[in-house]
Amino acid sequence: MTEAAGAPIRLFSYGTLRQENVQMETFGRLLKGETDALPGYALSMVEITDPDVIATSGAAFHPIVRASGDAADAVAGTVFEITAAELAAADSYEVSDYKRVAVRLTSGRDAFVYVKA
């Protein structure tokens, strides 16, 4: 997934990056997004041990997705347009249980999403 210089970057979130308090702490602003879905993935939970992330999100258990191998599976969420600096901030927020990958959403839009590492 290649982004043109200055073009917005799409980030799909199904979890804590949709929380206003997490957005303010991570990006310094509230993000505007649109409802979308991530096909072929299933949702579960992971225990977070990073005290800073727990303090920011207010929870020790966060949602996490993994490829399910079933095209009928889909995870609902929100797609946001962010800057490269905000993507780097999101990378810093996410713990090592997650990795960032490029995906195609149900809408046909390409976006980054954090999945089970």
PDB file of N, CA and C in Angstrom:
ATOM      1  N   MET A   1       0.856  -1.174   0.000  1.00  0.00           N
ATOM      2  CA  MET A   1       0.000   0.000   0.000  1.00  0.00           C
ATOM      3  C   MET A   1       0.898   1.231   0.000  1.00  0.00           C
ATOM      4  N   THR A   2       0.870   1.974  -1.043  1.00  0.00           N
ATOM      5  CA  THR A   2       1.716   3.156  -1.177  1.00  0.00           C
ATOM      6  C   THR A   2       0.851   4.403  -1.088  1.00  0.00           C
ATOM      7  N   GLU A   3       1.298   5.355  -0.314  1.00  0.00           N
ATOM      8  CA  GLU A   3       0.571   6.619  -0.162  1.00  0.00           C
ATOM      9  C   GLU A   3       1.331   7.722  -0.885  1.00  0.00           C
ATOM     10  N   ALA A   4       0.618   8.524  -1.645  1.00  0.00           N
ATOM     11  CA  ALA A   4       1.234   9.674  -2.297  1.00  0.00           C
ATOM     12  C   ALA A   4       1.640  10.680  -1.224  1.00  0.00           C
ATOM     13  N   ALA A   5       2.680  11.437  -1.500  1.00  0.00           N
ATOM     14  CA  ALA A   5       3.158  12.427  -0.534  1.00  0.00           C
ATOM     15  C   ALA A   5       2.022  13.371  -0.159  1.00  0.00           C
ATOM     16  N   GLY A   6       1.803  13.533   1.125  1.00  0.00           N
ATOM     17  CA  GLY A   6       0.770  14.437   1.603  1.00  0.00           C
ATOM     18  C   GLY A   6      -0.633  13.862   1.567  1.00  0.00           C
ATOM     19  N   ALA A   7      -0.816  12.682   0.958  1.00  0.00           N
ATOM     20  CA  ALA A   7      -2.146  12.069   0.896  1.00  0.00           C
ATOM     21  C   ALA A   7      -2.513  11.528   2.273  1.00  0.00           C
ATOM     22  N   PRO A   8      -3.793  11.572   2.627  1.00  0.00           N
ATOM     23  CA  PRO A   8      -4.189  11.023   3.920  1.00  0.00           C
ATOM     24  C   PRO A   8      -3.935   9.511   3.966  1.00  0.00           C
ATOM     25  N   ILE A   9      -3.645   9.038   5.134  1.00  0.00           N
ATOM     26  CA  ILE A   9      -3.447   7.614   5.380  1.00  0.00           C
ATOM     27  C   ILE A   9      -4.703   7.115   6.075  1.00  0.00           C
ATOM     28  N   ARG A  10      -5.216   5.974   5.648  1.00  0.00           N
ATOM     29  CA  ARG A  10      -6.403   5.410   6.287  1.00  0.00           C
ATOM     30  C   ARG A  10      -5.977   4.399   7.345  1.00  0.00           C
ATOM     31  N   LEU A  11      -6.615   4.504   8.509  1.00  0.00           N
ATOM     32  CA  LEU A  11      -6.390   3.574   9.606  1.00  0.00           C
ATOM     33  C   LEU A  11      -7.743   3.050  10.052  1.00  0.00           C
ATOM     34  N   PHE A  12      -7.899   1.726  10.023  1.00  0.00           N
ATOM     35  CA  PHE A  12      -9.127   1.087  10.476  1.00  0.00           C
ATOM     36  C   PHE A  12      -8.959   0.693  11.930  1.00  0.00           C
ATOM     37  N   SER A  13      -9.925   1.048  12.761  1.00  0.00           N
ATOM     38  CA  SER A  13      -9.893   0.686  14.177  1.00  0.00           C
ATOM     39  C   SER A  13     -11.182  -0.004  14.567  1.00  0.00           C
ATOM     40  N   TYR A  14     -11.035  -1.074  15.330  1.00  0.00           N
ATOM     41  CA  TYR A  14     -12.163  -1.821  15.879  1.00  0.00           C
ATOM     42  C   TYR A  14     -12.131  -1.776  17.406  1.00  0.00           C
ATOM     43  N   GLY A  15     -11.149  -1.045  17.955  1.00  0.00           N
ATOM     44  CA  GLY A  15     -10.936  -1.092  19.407  1.00  0.00           C
ATOM     45  C   GLY A  15     -10.688   0.257  20.024  1.00  0.00           C
ATOM     46  N   THR A  16      -9.652   0.314  20.878  1.00  0.00           N
ATOM     47  CA  THR A  16      -9.453   1.482  21.733  1.00  0.00           C
ATOM     48  C   THR A  16      -9.081   2.751  20.976  1.00  0.00           C
ATOM     49  N   LEU A  17      -8.548   2.634  19.753  1.00  0.00           N
ATOM     50  CA  LEU A  17      -8.233   3.857  19.001  1.00  0.00           C
ATOM     51  C   LEU A  17      -9.502   4.613  18.577  1.00  0.00           C
ATOM     52  N   ARG A  18     -10.668   4.030  18.830  1.00  0.00           N
ATOM     53  CA  ARG A  18     -11.935   4.742  18.588  1.00  0.00           C
ATOM     54  C   ARG A  18     -12.361   5.553  19.808  1.00  0.00           C
ATOM     55  N   GLN A  19     -11.728   5.321  20.969  1.00  0.00           N
ATOM     56  CA  GLN A  19     -12.083   6.047  22.187  1.00  0.00           C
ATOM     57  C   GLN A  19     -11.547   7.477  22.120  1.00  0.00           C
ATOM     58  N   GLU A  20     -12.399   8.434  22.494  1.00  0.00           N
ATOM     59  CA  GLU A  20     -11.993   9.843  22.444  1.00  0.00           C
ATOM     60  C   GLU A  20     -10.776  10.110  23.319  1.00  0.00           C
ATOM     61  N   ASN A  21     -10.734   9.528  24.533  1.00  0.00           N
ATOM     62  CA  ASN A  21      -9.600   9.775  25.430  1.00  0.00           C
ATOM     63  C   ASN A  21      -8.300   9.213  24.843  1.00  0.00           C
ATOM     64  N   VAL A  22      -8.367   8.073  24.176  1.00  0.00           N
ATOM     65  CA  VAL A  22      -7.177   7.477  23.555  1.00  0.00           C
ATOM     66  C   VAL A  22      -6.733   8.339  22.365  1.00  0.00           C
ATOM     67  N   GLN A  23      -7.676   8.834  21.573  1.00  0.00           N
ATOM     68  CA  GLN A  23      -7.331   9.710  20.448  1.00  0.00           C
ATOM     69  C   GLN A  23      -6.663  10.989  20.932  1.00  0.00           C
ATOM     70  N   MET A  24      -7.192  11.597  21.978  1.00  0.00           N
ATOM     71  CA  MET A  24      -6.605  12.842  22.488  1.00  0.00           C
ATOM     72  C   MET A  24      -5.189  12.586  23.011  1.00  0.00           C
ATOM     73  N   GLU A  25      -4.997  11.478  23.711  1.00  0.00           N
ATOM     74  CA  GLU A  25      -3.683  11.157  24.262  1.00  0.00           C
ATOM     75  C   GLU A  25      -2.692  10.779  23.157  1.00  0.00           C
ATOM     76  N   THR A  26      -3.154  10.051  22.151  1.00  0.00           N
ATOM     77  CA  THR A  26      -2.269   9.517  21.108  1.00  0.00           C
ATOM     78  C   THR A  26      -2.034  10.516  19.981  1.00  0.00           C
ATOM     79  N   PHE A  27      -3.097  11.223  19.567  1.00  0.00           N
ATOM     80  CA  PHE A  27      -3.016  12.094  18.390  1.00  0.00           C
ATOM     81  C   PHE A  27      -3.130  13.579  18.724  1.00  0.00           C
ATOM     82  N   GLY A  28      -3.588  13.890  19.925  1.00  0.00           N
ATOM     83  CA  GLY A  28      -3.778  15.289  20.302  1.00  0.00           C
ATOM     84  C   GLY A  28      -4.999  15.925  19.682  1.00  0.00           C
ATOM     85  N   ARG A  29      -5.869  15.087  19.126  1.00  0.00           N
ATOM     86  CA  ARG A  29      -7.112  15.594  18.519  1.00  0.00           C
ATOM     87  C   ARG A  29      -8.097  14.443  18.413  1.00  0.00           C
ATOM     88  N   LEU A  30      -9.374  14.791  18.188  1.00  0.00           N
ATOM     89  CA  LEU A  30     -10.388  13.773  17.927  1.00  0.00           C
ATOM     90  C   LEU A  30     -10.418  13.505  16.426  1.00  0.00           C
ATOM     91  N   LEU A  31     -10.475  12.234  16.063  1.00  0.00           N
ATOM     92  CA  LEU A  31     -10.503  11.847  14.654  1.00  0.00           C
ATOM     93  C   LEU A  31     -11.940  11.752  14.158  1.00  0.00           C
ATOM     94  N   LYS A  32     -12.124  12.071  12.892  1.00  0.00           N
ATOM     95  CA  LYS A  32     -13.417  11.886  12.239  1.00  0.00           C
ATOM     96  C   LYS A  32     -13.309  10.630  11.393  1.00  0.00           C
ATOM     97  N   GLY A  33     -14.290   9.758  11.519  1.00  0.00           N
ATOM     98  CA  GLY A  33     -14.214   8.508  10.792  1.00  0.00           C
ATOM     99  C   GLY A  33     -15.547   8.077  10.221  1.00  0.00           C
ATOM    100  N   GLU A  34     -15.491   7.009   9.448  1.00  0.00           N
ATOM    101  CA  GLU A  34     -16.677   6.429   8.833  1.00  0.00           C
ATOM    102  C   GLU A  34     -16.742   4.944   9.178  1.00  0.00           C
ATOM    103  N   THR A  35     -17.947   4.452   9.382  1.00  0.00           N
ATOM    104  CA  THR A  35     -18.161   3.044   9.670  1.00  0.00           C
ATOM    105  C   THR A  35     -17.717   2.200   8.482  1.00  0.00           C
ATOM    106  N   ASP A  36     -17.055   1.091   8.767  1.00  0.00           N
ATOM    107  CA  ASP A  36     -16.622   0.155   7.730  1.00  0.00           C
ATOM    108  C   ASP A  36     -16.467  -1.200   8.411  1.00  0.00           C
ATOM    109  N   ALA A  37     -15.966  -2.178   7.701  1.00  0.00           N
ATOM    110  CA  ALA A  37     -15.752  -3.505   8.281  1.00  0.00           C
ATOM    111  C   ALA A  37     -14.533  -4.146   7.648  1.00  0.00           C
ATOM    112  N   LEU A  38     -13.931  -5.062   8.394  1.00  0.00           N
ATOM    113  CA  LEU A  38     -12.745  -5.790   7.984  1.00  0.00           C
ATOM    114  C   LEU A  38     -13.150  -7.231   7.691  1.00  0.00           C
ATOM    115  N   PRO A  39     -13.228  -7.608   6.401  1.00  0.00           N
ATOM    116  CA  PRO A  39     -13.671  -8.964   6.068  1.00  0.00           C
ATOM    117  C   PRO A  39     -12.566 -10.002   6.273  1.00  0.00           C
ATOM    118  N   GLY A  40     -12.998 -11.232   6.619  1.00  0.00           N
ATOM    119  CA  GLY A  40     -12.060 -12.337   6.750  1.00  0.00           C
ATOM    120  C   GLY A  40     -11.285 -12.361   8.052  1.00  0.00           C
ATOM    121  N   TYR A  41     -11.753 -11.601   9.035  1.00  0.00           N
ATOM    122  CA  TYR A  41     -11.093 -11.545  10.343  1.00  0.00           C
ATOM    123  C   TYR A  41     -12.106 -11.830  11.446  1.00  0.00           C
ATOM    124  N   ALA A  42     -11.603 -12.340  12.573  1.00  0.00           N
ATOM    125  CA  ALA A  42     -12.423 -12.611  13.752  1.00  0.00           C
ATOM    126  C   ALA A  42     -11.845 -11.855  14.940  1.00  0.00           C
ATOM    127  N   LEU A  43     -12.719 -11.448  15.838  1.00  0.00           N
ATOM    128  CA  LEU A  43     -12.367 -10.623  16.988  1.00  0.00           C
ATOM    129  C   LEU A  43     -12.241 -11.472  18.245  1.00  0.00           C
ATOM    130  N   SER A  44     -11.220 -11.191  19.047  1.00  0.00           N
ATOM    131  CA  SER A  44     -11.076 -11.786  20.373  1.00  0.00           C
ATOM    132  C   SER A  44     -10.491 -10.714  21.287  1.00  0.00           C
ATOM    133  N   MET A  45     -10.033 -11.110  22.473  1.00  0.00           N
ATOM    134  CA  MET A  45      -9.479 -10.156  23.428  1.00  0.00           C
ATOM    135  C   MET A  45      -8.056 -10.575  23.796  1.00  0.00           C
ATOM    136  N   VAL A  46      -7.242  -9.584  24.159  1.00  0.00           N
ATOM    137  CA  VAL A  46      -5.873  -9.832  24.604  1.00  0.00           C
ATOM    138  C   VAL A  46      -5.642  -9.023  25.882  1.00  0.00           C
ATOM    139  N   GLU A  47      -4.903  -9.609  26.818  1.00  0.00           N
ATOM    140  CA  GLU A  47      -4.579  -8.882  28.049  1.00  0.00           C
ATOM    141  C   GLU A  47      -3.371  -7.990  27.799  1.00  0.00           C
ATOM    142  N   ILE A  48      -3.516  -6.727  28.119  1.00  0.00           N
ATOM    143  CA  ILE A  48      -2.455  -5.735  27.966  1.00  0.00           C
ATOM    144  C   ILE A  48      -1.729  -5.613  29.308  1.00  0.00           C
ATOM    145  N   THR A  49      -0.388  -5.583  29.273  1.00  0.00           N
ATOM    146  CA  THR A  49       0.379  -5.455  30.509  1.00  0.00           C
ATOM    147  C   THR A  49       1.130  -4.123  30.605  1.00  0.00           C
ATOM    148  N   ASP A  50       1.176  -3.363  29.496  1.00  0.00           N
ATOM    149  CA  ASP A  50       1.868  -2.070  29.496  1.00  0.00           C
ATOM    150  C   ASP A  50       1.062  -1.077  30.339  1.00  0.00           C
ATOM    151  N   PRO A  51       1.632  -0.592  31.456  1.00  0.00           N
ATOM    152  CA  PRO A  51       0.864   0.290  32.336  1.00  0.00           C
ATOM    153  C   PRO A  51       0.451   1.605  31.674  1.00  0.00           C
ATOM    154  N   ASP A  52       1.257   2.125  30.758  1.00  0.00           N
ATOM    155  CA  ASP A  52       0.897   3.378  30.067  1.00  0.00           C
ATOM    156  C   ASP A  52      -0.323   3.171  29.170  1.00  0.00           C
ATOM    157  N   VAL A  53      -0.355   2.064  28.460  1.00  0.00           N
ATOM    158  CA  VAL A  53      -1.492   1.769  27.574  1.00  0.00           C
ATOM    159  C   VAL A  53      -2.751   1.527  28.401  1.00  0.00           C
ATOM    160  N   ILE A  54      -2.608   0.812  29.510  1.00  0.00           N
ATOM    161  CA  ILE A  54      -3.758   0.583  30.391  1.00  0.00           C
ATOM    162  C   ILE A  54      -4.272   1.913  30.945  1.00  0.00           C
ATOM    163  N   ALA A  55      -3.353   2.783  31.350  1.00  0.00           N
ATOM    164  CA  ALA A  55      -3.756   4.098  31.875  1.00  0.00           C
ATOM    165  C   ALA A  55      -4.472   4.919  30.811  1.00  0.00           C
ATOM    166  N   THR A  56      -3.978   4.871  29.579  1.00  0.00           N
ATOM    167  CA  THR A  56      -4.587   5.642  28.498  1.00  0.00           C
ATOM    168  C   THR A  56      -5.963   5.103  28.128  1.00  0.00           C
ATOM    169  N   SER A  57      -6.070   3.784  27.988  1.00  0.00           N
ATOM    170  CA  SER A  57      -7.321   3.179  27.519  1.00  0.00           C
ATOM    171  C   SER A  57      -8.328   2.946  28.625  1.00  0.00           C
ATOM    172  N   GLY A  58      -7.836   2.815  29.855  1.00  0.00           N
ATOM    173  CA  GLY A  58      -8.722   2.521  30.968  1.00  0.00           C
ATOM    174  C   GLY A  58      -9.084   1.051  31.079  1.00  0.00           C
ATOM    175  N   ALA A  59      -8.377   0.174  30.340  1.00  0.00           N
ATOM    176  CA  ALA A  59      -8.722  -1.250  30.355  1.00  0.00           C
ATOM    177  C   ALA A  59      -7.472  -2.109  30.184  1.00  0.00           C
ATOM    178  N   ALA A  60      -7.467  -3.258  30.861  1.00  0.00           N
ATOM    179  CA  ALA A  60      -6.357  -4.195  30.734  1.00  0.00           C
ATOM    180  C   ALA A  60      -6.599  -5.226  29.632  1.00  0.00           C
ATOM    181  N   PHE A  61      -7.844  -5.344  29.164  1.00  0.00           N
ATOM    182  CA  PHE A  61      -8.159  -6.255  28.066  1.00  0.00           C
ATOM    183  C   PHE A  61      -8.623  -5.440  26.868  1.00  0.00           C
ATOM    184  N   HIS A  62      -7.975  -5.673  25.734  1.00  0.00           N
ATOM    185  CA  HIS A  62      -8.289  -4.937  24.501  1.00  0.00           C
ATOM    186  C   HIS A  62      -8.722  -5.914  23.409  1.00  0.00           C
ATOM    187  N   PRO A  63      -9.562  -5.451  22.484  1.00  0.00           N
ATOM    188  CA  PRO A  63      -9.904  -6.287  21.340  1.00  0.00           C
ATOM    189  C   PRO A  63      -8.673  -6.502  20.452  1.00  0.00           C
ATOM    190  N   ILE A  64      -8.631  -7.645  19.794  1.00  0.00           N
ATOM    191  CA  ILE A  64      -7.582  -7.949  18.827  1.00  0.00           C
ATOM    192  C   ILE A  64      -8.213  -8.812  17.742  1.00  0.00           C
ATOM    193  N   VAL A  65      -7.739  -8.675  16.511  1.00  0.00           N
ATOM    194  CA  VAL A  65      -8.281  -9.477  15.414  1.00  0.00           C
ATOM    195  C   VAL A  65      -7.196 -10.357  14.822  1.00  0.00           C
ATOM    196  N   ARG A  66      -7.638 -11.460  14.242  1.00  0.00           N
ATOM    197  CA  ARG A  66      -6.747 -12.362  13.512  1.00  0.00           C
ATOM    198  C   ARG A  66      -7.475 -12.815  12.255  1.00  0.00           C
ATOM    199  N   ALA A  67      -6.712 -13.109  11.214  1.00  0.00           N
ATOM    200  CA  ALA A  67      -7.300 -13.640   9.987  1.00  0.00           C
ATOM    201  C   ALA A  67      -7.967 -14.960  10.331  1.00  0.00           C
ATOM    202  N   SER A  68      -9.210 -15.133   9.883  1.00  0.00           N
ATOM    203  CA  SER A  68      -9.983 -16.325  10.245  1.00  0.00           C
ATOM    204  C   SER A  68      -9.987 -17.378   9.138  1.00  0.00           C
ATOM    205  N   GLY A  69      -9.666 -16.973   7.911  1.00  0.00           N
ATOM    206  CA  GLY A  69      -9.757 -17.893   6.799  1.00  0.00           C
ATOM    207  C   GLY A  69     -11.175 -18.066   6.285  1.00  0.00           C
ATOM    208  N   ASP A  70     -12.123 -17.350   6.859  1.00  0.00           N
ATOM    209  CA  ASP A  70     -13.531 -17.436   6.463  1.00  0.00           C
ATOM    210  C   ASP A  70     -13.978 -16.079   5.935  1.00  0.00           C
ATOM    211  N   ALA A  71     -14.255 -16.031   4.636  1.00  0.00           N
ATOM    212  CA  ALA A  71     -14.651 -14.763   4.003  1.00  0.00           C
ATOM    213  C   ALA A  71     -15.953 -14.213   4.579  1.00  0.00           C
ATOM    214  N   ALA A  72     -16.758 -15.067   5.223  1.00  0.00           N
ATOM    215  CA  ALA A  72     -18.025 -14.612   5.805  1.00  0.00           C
ATOM    216  C   ALA A  72     -17.810 -13.865   7.119  1.00  0.00           C
ATOM    217  N   ASP A  73     -16.651 -14.036   7.749  1.00  0.00           N
ATOM    218  CA  ASP A  73     -16.356 -13.301   8.977  1.00  0.00           C
ATOM    219  C   ASP A  73     -16.063 -11.843   8.649  1.00  0.00           C
ATOM    220  N   ALA A  74     -16.448 -10.952   9.542  1.00  0.00           N
ATOM    221  CA  ALA A  74     -16.123  -9.536   9.385  1.00  0.00           C
ATOM    222  C   ALA A  74     -16.128  -8.884  10.764  1.00  0.00           C
ATOM    223  N   VAL A  75     -15.251  -7.902  10.928  1.00  0.00           N
ATOM    224  CA  VAL A  75     -15.149  -7.147  12.171  1.00  0.00           C
ATOM    225  C   VAL A  75     -15.559  -5.706  11.874  1.00  0.00           C
ATOM    226  N   ALA A  76     -16.569  -5.220  12.587  1.00  0.00           N
ATOM    227  CA  ALA A  76     -17.042  -3.849  12.412  1.00  0.00           C
ATOM    228  C   ALA A  76     -16.085  -2.878  13.081  1.00  0.00           C
ATOM    229  N   GLY A  77     -16.000  -1.684  12.511  1.00  0.00           N
ATOM    230  CA  GLY A  77     -15.146  -0.659  13.101  1.00  0.00           C
ATOM    231  C   GLY A  77     -15.291   0.656  12.384  1.00  0.00           C
ATOM    232  N   THR A  78     -14.264   1.473  12.492  1.00  0.00           N
ATOM    233  CA  THR A  78     -14.266   2.818  11.930  1.00  0.00           C
ATOM    234  C   THR A  78     -12.974   3.038  11.164  1.00  0.00           C
ATOM    235  N   VAL A  79     -13.072   3.653   9.993  1.00  0.00           N
ATOM    236  CA  VAL A  79     -11.879   4.009   9.227  1.00  0.00           C
ATOM    237  C   VAL A  79     -11.658   5.513   9.374  1.00  0.00           C
ATOM    238  N   PHE A  80     -10.429   5.861   9.734  1.00  0.00           N
ATOM    239  CA  PHE A  80     -10.040   7.249   9.953  1.00  0.00           C
ATOM    240  C   PHE A  80      -9.001   7.654   8.916  1.00  0.00           C
ATOM    241  N   GLU A  81      -8.947   8.939   8.591  1.00  0.00           N
ATOM    242  CA  GLU A  81      -7.853   9.478   7.785  1.00  0.00           C
ATOM    243  C   GLU A  81      -6.915  10.203   8.731  1.00  0.00           C
ATOM    244  N   ILE A  82      -5.639   9.790   8.710  1.00  0.00           N
ATOM    245  CA  ILE A  82      -4.642  10.347   9.617  1.00  0.00           C
ATOM    246  C   ILE A  82      -3.387  10.719   8.836  1.00  0.00           C
ATOM    247  N   THR A  83      -2.479  11.404   9.506  1.00  0.00           N
ATOM    248  CA  THR A  83      -1.205  11.793   8.895  1.00  0.00           C
ATOM    249  C   THR A  83      -0.149  10.728   9.173  1.00  0.00           C
ATOM    250  N   ALA A  84       0.990  10.841   8.507  1.00  0.00           N
ATOM    251  CA  ALA A  84       2.106   9.917   8.745  1.00  0.00           C
ATOM    252  C   ALA A  84       2.580  10.020  10.195  1.00  0.00           C
ATOM    253  N   ALA A  85       2.622  11.236  10.746  1.00  0.00           N
ATOM    254  CA  ALA A  85       3.029  11.412  12.140  1.00  0.00           C
ATOM    255  C   ALA A  85       2.034  10.739  13.084  1.00  0.00           C
ATOM    256  N   GLU A  86       0.751  10.809  12.762  1.00  0.00           N
ATOM    257  CA  GLU A  86      -0.260  10.156  13.598  1.00  0.00           C
ATOM    258  C   GLU A  86      -0.169   8.636  13.483  1.00  0.00           C
ATOM    259  N   LEU A  87       0.189   8.133  12.310  1.00  0.00           N
ATOM    260  CA  LEU A  87       0.390   6.688  12.152  1.00  0.00           C
ATOM    261  C   LEU A  87       1.560   6.237  13.021  1.00  0.00           C
ATOM    262  N   ALA A  88       2.624   7.014  13.058  1.00  0.00           N
ATOM    263  CA  ALA A  88       3.765   6.698  13.920  1.00  0.00           C
ATOM    264  C   ALA A  88       3.336   6.719  15.390  1.00  0.00           C
ATOM    265  N   ALA A  89       2.476   7.659  15.771  1.00  0.00           N
ATOM    266  CA  ALA A  89       1.981   7.722  17.146  1.00  0.00           C
ATOM    267  C   ALA A  89       1.133   6.495  17.468  1.00  0.00           C
ATOM    268  N   ALA A  90       0.325   6.040  16.517  1.00  0.00           N
ATOM    269  CA  ALA A  90      -0.472   4.827  16.716  1.00  0.00           C
ATOM    270  C   ALA A  90       0.439   3.615  16.865  1.00  0.00           C
ATOM    271  N   ASP A  91       1.507   3.555  16.057  1.00  0.00           N
ATOM    272  CA  ASP A  91       2.482   2.460  16.185  1.00  0.00           C
ATOM    273  C   ASP A  91       3.079   2.435  17.587  1.00  0.00           C
ATOM    274  N   SER A  92       3.361   3.605  18.141  1.00  0.00           N
ATOM    275  CA  SER A  92       3.939   3.690  19.484  1.00  0.00           C
ATOM    276  C   SER A  92       2.945   3.266  20.560  1.00  0.00           C
ATOM    277  N   TYR A  93       1.664   3.558  20.334  1.00  0.00           N
ATOM    278  CA  TYR A  93       0.612   3.210  21.301  1.00  0.00           C
ATOM    279  C   TYR A  93       0.395   1.700  21.358  1.00  0.00           C
ATOM    280  N   GLU A  94       0.401   1.050  20.211  1.00  0.00           N
ATOM    281  CA  GLU A  94       0.097  -0.390  20.162  1.00  0.00           C
ATOM    282  C   GLU A  94       1.239  -1.208  20.751  1.00  0.00           C
ATOM    283  N   VAL A  95       0.894  -2.210  21.549  1.00  0.00           N
ATOM    284  CA  VAL A  95       1.893  -3.071  22.185  1.00  0.00           C
ATOM    285  C   VAL A  95       2.316  -4.179  21.223  1.00  0.00           C
ATOM    286  N   SER A  96       3.309  -4.966  21.623  1.00  0.00           N
ATOM    287  CA  SER A  96       3.906  -5.962  20.734  1.00  0.00           C
ATOM    288  C   SER A  96       2.976  -7.115  20.370  1.00  0.00           C
ATOM    289  N   ASP A  97       1.814  -7.216  21.026  1.00  0.00           N
ATOM    290  CA  ASP A  97       0.832  -8.232  20.640  1.00  0.00           C
ATOM    291  C   ASP A  97       0.238  -7.936  19.268  1.00  0.00           C
ATOM    292  N   TYR A  98       0.393  -6.691  18.814  1.00  0.00           N
ATOM    293  CA  TYR A  98      -0.197  -6.231  17.558  1.00  0.00           C
ATOM    294  C   TYR A  98       0.882  -5.966  16.515  1.00  0.00           C
ATOM    295  N   LYS A  99       0.514  -6.141  15.256  1.00  0.00           N
ATOM    296  CA  LYS A  99       1.351  -5.695  14.140  1.00  0.00           C
ATOM    297  C   LYS A  99       0.441  -4.962  13.160  1.00  0.00           C
ATOM    298  N   ARG A 100       1.011  -3.992  12.466  1.00  0.00           N
ATOM    299  CA  ARG A 100       0.235  -3.204  11.489  1.00  0.00           C
ATOM    300  C   ARG A 100       0.355  -3.851  10.119  1.00  0.00           C
ATOM    301  N   VAL A 101      -0.803  -4.060   9.462  1.00  0.00           N
ATOM    302  CA  VAL A 101      -0.835  -4.620   8.117  1.00  0.00           C
ATOM    303  C   VAL A 101      -1.759  -3.779   7.241  1.00  0.00           C
ATOM    304  N   ALA A 102      -1.563  -3.882   5.939  1.00  0.00           N
ATOM    305  CA  ALA A 102      -2.436  -3.224   4.965  1.00  0.00           C
ATOM    306  C   ALA A 102      -3.542  -4.193   4.576  1.00  0.00           C
ATOM    307  N   VAL A 103      -4.768  -3.698   4.515  1.00  0.00           N
ATOM    308  CA  VAL A 103      -5.925  -4.524   4.203  1.00  0.00           C
ATOM    309  C   VAL A 103      -6.865  -3.786   3.255  1.00  0.00           C
ATOM    310  N   ARG A 104      -7.801  -4.533   2.675  1.00  0.00           N
ATOM    311  CA  ARG A 104      -8.900  -3.932   1.917  1.00  0.00           C
ATOM    312  C   ARG A 104     -10.163  -4.126   2.734  1.00  0.00           C
ATOM    313  N   LEU A 105     -10.856  -3.034   3.015  1.00  0.00           N
ATOM    314  CA  LEU A 105     -12.069  -3.064   3.825  1.00  0.00           C
ATOM    315  C   LEU A 105     -13.283  -3.441   2.975  1.00  0.00           C
ATOM    316  N   THR A 106     -14.388  -3.716   3.638  1.00  0.00           N
ATOM    317  CA  THR A 106     -15.629  -4.084   2.950  1.00  0.00           C
ATOM    318  C   THR A 106     -16.033  -3.027   1.924  1.00  0.00           C
ATOM    319  N   SER A 107     -15.766  -1.771   2.229  1.00  0.00           N
ATOM    320  CA  SER A 107     -16.116  -0.653   1.336  1.00  0.00           C
ATOM    321  C   SER A 107     -15.255  -0.628   0.072  1.00  0.00           C
ATOM    322  N   GLY A 108     -14.166  -1.399   0.064  1.00  0.00           N
ATOM    323  CA  GLY A 108     -13.221  -1.359  -1.049  1.00  0.00           C
ATOM    324  C   GLY A 108     -12.041  -0.435  -0.801  1.00  0.00           C
ATOM    325  N   ARG A 109     -12.092   0.308   0.313  1.00  0.00           N
ATOM    326  CA  ARG A 109     -10.989   1.200   0.648  1.00  0.00           C
ATOM    327  C   ARG A 109      -9.819   0.401   1.220  1.00  0.00           C
ATOM    328  N   ASP A 110      -8.607   0.839   0.902  1.00  0.00           N
ATOM    329  CA  ASP A 110      -7.402   0.266   1.498  1.00  0.00           C
ATOM    330  C   ASP A 110      -7.091   1.028   2.772  1.00  0.00           C
ATOM    331  N   ALA A 111      -6.638   0.295   3.783  1.00  0.00           N
ATOM    332  CA  ALA A 111      -6.327   0.924   5.076  1.00  0.00           C
ATOM    333  C   ALA A 111      -5.303   0.077   5.807  1.00  0.00           C
ATOM    334  N   PHE A 112      -4.692   0.683   6.818  1.00  0.00           N
ATOM    335  CA  PHE A 112      -3.870  -0.064   7.747  1.00  0.00           C
ATOM    336  C   PHE A 112      -4.748  -0.492   8.914  1.00  0.00           C
ATOM    337  N   VAL A 113      -4.383  -1.612   9.533  1.00  0.00           N
ATOM    338  CA  VAL A 113      -5.088  -2.101  10.727  1.00  0.00           C
ATOM    339  C   VAL A 113      -4.062  -2.850  11.575  1.00  0.00           C
ATOM    340  N   TYR A 114      -4.302  -2.846  12.881  1.00  0.00           N
ATOM    341  CA  TYR A 114      -3.455  -3.606  13.801  1.00  0.00           C
ATOM    342  C   TYR A 114      -4.123  -4.944  14.066  1.00  0.00           C
ATOM    343  N   VAL A 115      -3.369  -6.031  13.811  1.00  0.00           N
ATOM    344  CA  VAL A 115      -3.860  -7.391  13.956  1.00  0.00           C
ATOM    345  C   VAL A 115      -2.961  -8.153  14.917  1.00  0.00           C
ATOM    346  N   LYS A 116      -3.354  -9.377  15.273  1.00  0.00           N
ATOM    347  CA  LYS A 116      -2.553 -10.222  16.160  1.00  0.00           C
ATOM    348  C   LYS A 116      -1.195 -10.472  15.534  1.00  0.00           C
ATOM    349  N   ALA A 117      -0.127 -10.182  16.294  1.00  0.00           N
ATOM    350  CA  ALA A 117       1.238 -10.342  15.795  1.00  0.00           C
ATOM    351  C   ALA A 117       1.614 -11.824  15.727  1.00  0.00           C
TER     352      ALA A 117
END
